[in-house]
């Protein structure tokens, strides 16, 4: 479901762009697809998969949040 939200939003700072506030798995997928740097490792792939699973109801939104945070750390992005 695209309306699912995390208990606490994540603000991600990207090089040369404004920070983006991510409220849930739908926002996270948009961010992963449109704004992510070329540093796309295993955590990026797992975050994408878990966010999709959360939207389908196969994973919790908080599991998706944890994987998104791990991907951001892997890509060395600034979290606020």
C-alpha atoms as a PDB file:
ATOM      1  CA  UNK A   1       0.000   0.000   0.000  1.00  0.00           C
ATOM      2  CA  UNK A   2       1.423   3.343  -1.035  1.00  0.00           C
ATOM      3  CA  UNK A   3      -0.037   5.051   2.048  1.00  0.00           C
ATOM      4  CA  UNK A   4       1.950   3.052   4.613  1.00  0.00           C
ATOM      5  CA  UNK A   5       4.155   5.351   6.720  1.00  0.00           C
ATOM      6  CA  UNK A   6       7.114   4.804   9.018  1.00  0.00           C
ATOM      7  CA  UNK A   7       6.834   5.777  12.676  1.00  0.00           C
ATOM      8  CA  UNK A   8       9.680   8.236  12.156  1.00  0.00           C
ATOM      9  CA  UNK A   9      10.523   9.849   8.775  1.00  0.00           C
ATOM     10  CA  UNK A  10      14.085   9.761   7.445  1.00  0.00           C
ATOM     11  CA  UNK A  11      15.727  12.827   5.896  1.00  0.00           C
ATOM     12  CA  UNK A  12      18.494  11.965   3.460  1.00  0.00           C
ATOM     13  CA  UNK A  13      21.029  14.465   2.152  1.00  0.00           C
ATOM     14  CA  UNK A  14      22.310  13.953  -1.383  1.00  0.00           C
ATOM     15  CA  UNK A  15      25.436  15.475  -2.909  1.00  0.00           C
ATOM     16  CA  UNK A  16      24.509  18.545  -4.934  1.00  0.00           C
ATOM     17  CA  UNK A  17      20.774  18.268  -4.216  1.00  0.00           C
ATOM     18  CA  UNK A  18      18.301  19.237  -1.535  1.00  0.00           C
ATOM     19  CA  UNK A  19      17.669  16.824   1.303  1.00  0.00           C
ATOM     20  CA  UNK A  20      14.682  14.525   0.822  1.00  0.00           C
ATOM     21  CA  UNK A  21      12.307  13.460   3.585  1.00  0.00           C
ATOM     22  CA  UNK A  22      11.245   9.848   3.198  1.00  0.00           C
ATOM     23  CA  UNK A  23       8.044   8.884   5.034  1.00  0.00           C
ATOM     24  CA  UNK A  24       7.564   5.260   4.057  1.00  0.00           C
ATOM     25  CA  UNK A  25       8.395   2.456   1.635  1.00  0.00           C
ATOM     26  CA  UNK A  26       6.718   4.137  -1.367  1.00  0.00           C
ATOM     27  CA  UNK A  27       8.791   7.309  -0.857  1.00  0.00           C
ATOM     28  CA  UNK A  28      11.870   5.149  -0.295  1.00  0.00           C
ATOM     29  CA  UNK A  29      11.426   3.347  -3.618  1.00  0.00           C
ATOM     30  CA  UNK A  30      11.073   6.693  -5.408  1.00  0.00           C
ATOM     31  CA  UNK A  31      14.224   7.944  -3.682  1.00  0.00           C
ATOM     32  CA  UNK A  32      16.156   4.745  -4.469  1.00  0.00           C
ATOM     33  CA  UNK A  33      15.156   4.950  -8.135  1.00  0.00           C
ATOM     34  CA  UNK A  34      15.450   8.689  -8.789  1.00  0.00           C
ATOM     35  CA  UNK A  35      18.057  10.159  -6.437  1.00  0.00           C
ATOM     36  CA  UNK A  36      20.412   7.390  -5.370  1.00  0.00           C
ATOM     37  CA  UNK A  37      24.104   7.760  -6.217  1.00  0.00           C
ATOM     38  CA  UNK A  38      25.844   5.149  -8.350  1.00  0.00           C
ATOM     39  CA  UNK A  39      26.984   3.401  -5.155  1.00  0.00           C
ATOM     40  CA  UNK A  40      24.401   0.620  -5.433  1.00  0.00           C
ATOM     41  CA  UNK A  41      25.555  -2.359  -3.417  1.00  0.00           C
ATOM     42  CA  UNK A  42      23.867  -5.280  -1.740  1.00  0.00           C
ATOM     43  CA  UNK A  43      22.116  -3.075   0.827  1.00  0.00           C
ATOM     44  CA  UNK A  44      20.591  -1.007  -1.981  1.00  0.00           C
ATOM     45  CA  UNK A  45      19.206  -4.157  -3.597  1.00  0.00           C
ATOM     46  CA  UNK A  46      17.899  -5.462  -0.273  1.00  0.00           C
ATOM     47  CA  UNK A  47      16.283  -2.099   0.565  1.00  0.00           C
ATOM     48  CA  UNK A  48      14.518  -2.016  -2.787  1.00  0.00           C
ATOM     49  CA  UNK A  49      13.272  -5.569  -2.354  1.00  0.00           C
ATOM     50  CA  UNK A  50      12.124  -5.025   1.240  1.00  0.00           C
ATOM     51  CA  UNK A  51      10.306  -1.791   0.375  1.00  0.00           C
ATOM     52  CA  UNK A  52       8.427  -3.591  -2.399  1.00  0.00           C
ATOM     53  CA  UNK A  53       7.597  -6.428  -0.009  1.00  0.00           C
ATOM     54  CA  UNK A  54       6.311  -3.920   2.559  1.00  0.00           C
ATOM     55  CA  UNK A  55       4.021  -2.361  -0.035  1.00  0.00           C
ATOM     56  CA  UNK A  56       2.705  -5.855  -0.850  1.00  0.00           C
ATOM     57  CA  UNK A  57       2.199  -6.662   2.842  1.00  0.00           C
ATOM     58  CA  UNK A  58       4.895  -9.366   2.920  1.00  0.00           C
ATOM     59  CA  UNK A  59       7.222  -7.333   5.188  1.00  0.00           C
ATOM     60  CA  UNK A  60       6.604  -4.672   7.802  1.00  0.00           C
ATOM     61  CA  UNK A  61       7.131  -1.005   7.026  1.00  0.00           C
ATOM     62  CA  UNK A  62       9.682  -0.846   9.850  1.00  0.00           C
ATOM     63  CA  UNK A  63      11.725  -3.647   8.248  1.00  0.00           C
ATOM     64  CA  UNK A  64      11.730  -1.562   5.070  1.00  0.00           C
ATOM     65  CA  UNK A  65      12.864   1.484   7.069  1.00  0.00           C
ATOM     66  CA  UNK A  66      15.764  -0.456   8.602  1.00  0.00           C
ATOM     67  CA  UNK A  67      16.917  -1.681   5.178  1.00  0.00           C
ATOM     68  CA  UNK A  68      16.597   1.808   3.690  1.00  0.00           C
ATOM     69  CA  UNK A  69      18.777   3.208   6.493  1.00  0.00           C
ATOM     70  CA  UNK A  70      21.356   0.460   5.913  1.00  0.00           C
ATOM     71  CA  UNK A  71      21.438   1.295   2.192  1.00  0.00           C
ATOM     72  CA  UNK A  72      21.909   4.985   2.973  1.00  0.00           C
ATOM     73  CA  UNK A  73      24.818   4.162   5.280  1.00  0.00           C
ATOM     74  CA  UNK A  74      26.311   1.885   2.617  1.00  0.00           C
ATOM     75  CA  UNK A  75      26.132   4.757   0.090  1.00  0.00           C
ATOM     76  CA  UNK A  76      27.639   7.137   2.700  1.00  0.00           C
ATOM     77  CA  UNK A  77      24.653   9.491   2.506  1.00  0.00           C
ATOM     78  CA  UNK A  78      23.951  12.056   5.216  1.00  0.00           C
ATOM     79  CA  UNK A  79      21.006  11.152   7.437  1.00  0.00           C
ATOM     80  CA  UNK A  80      19.173  13.818   9.417  1.00  0.00           C
END
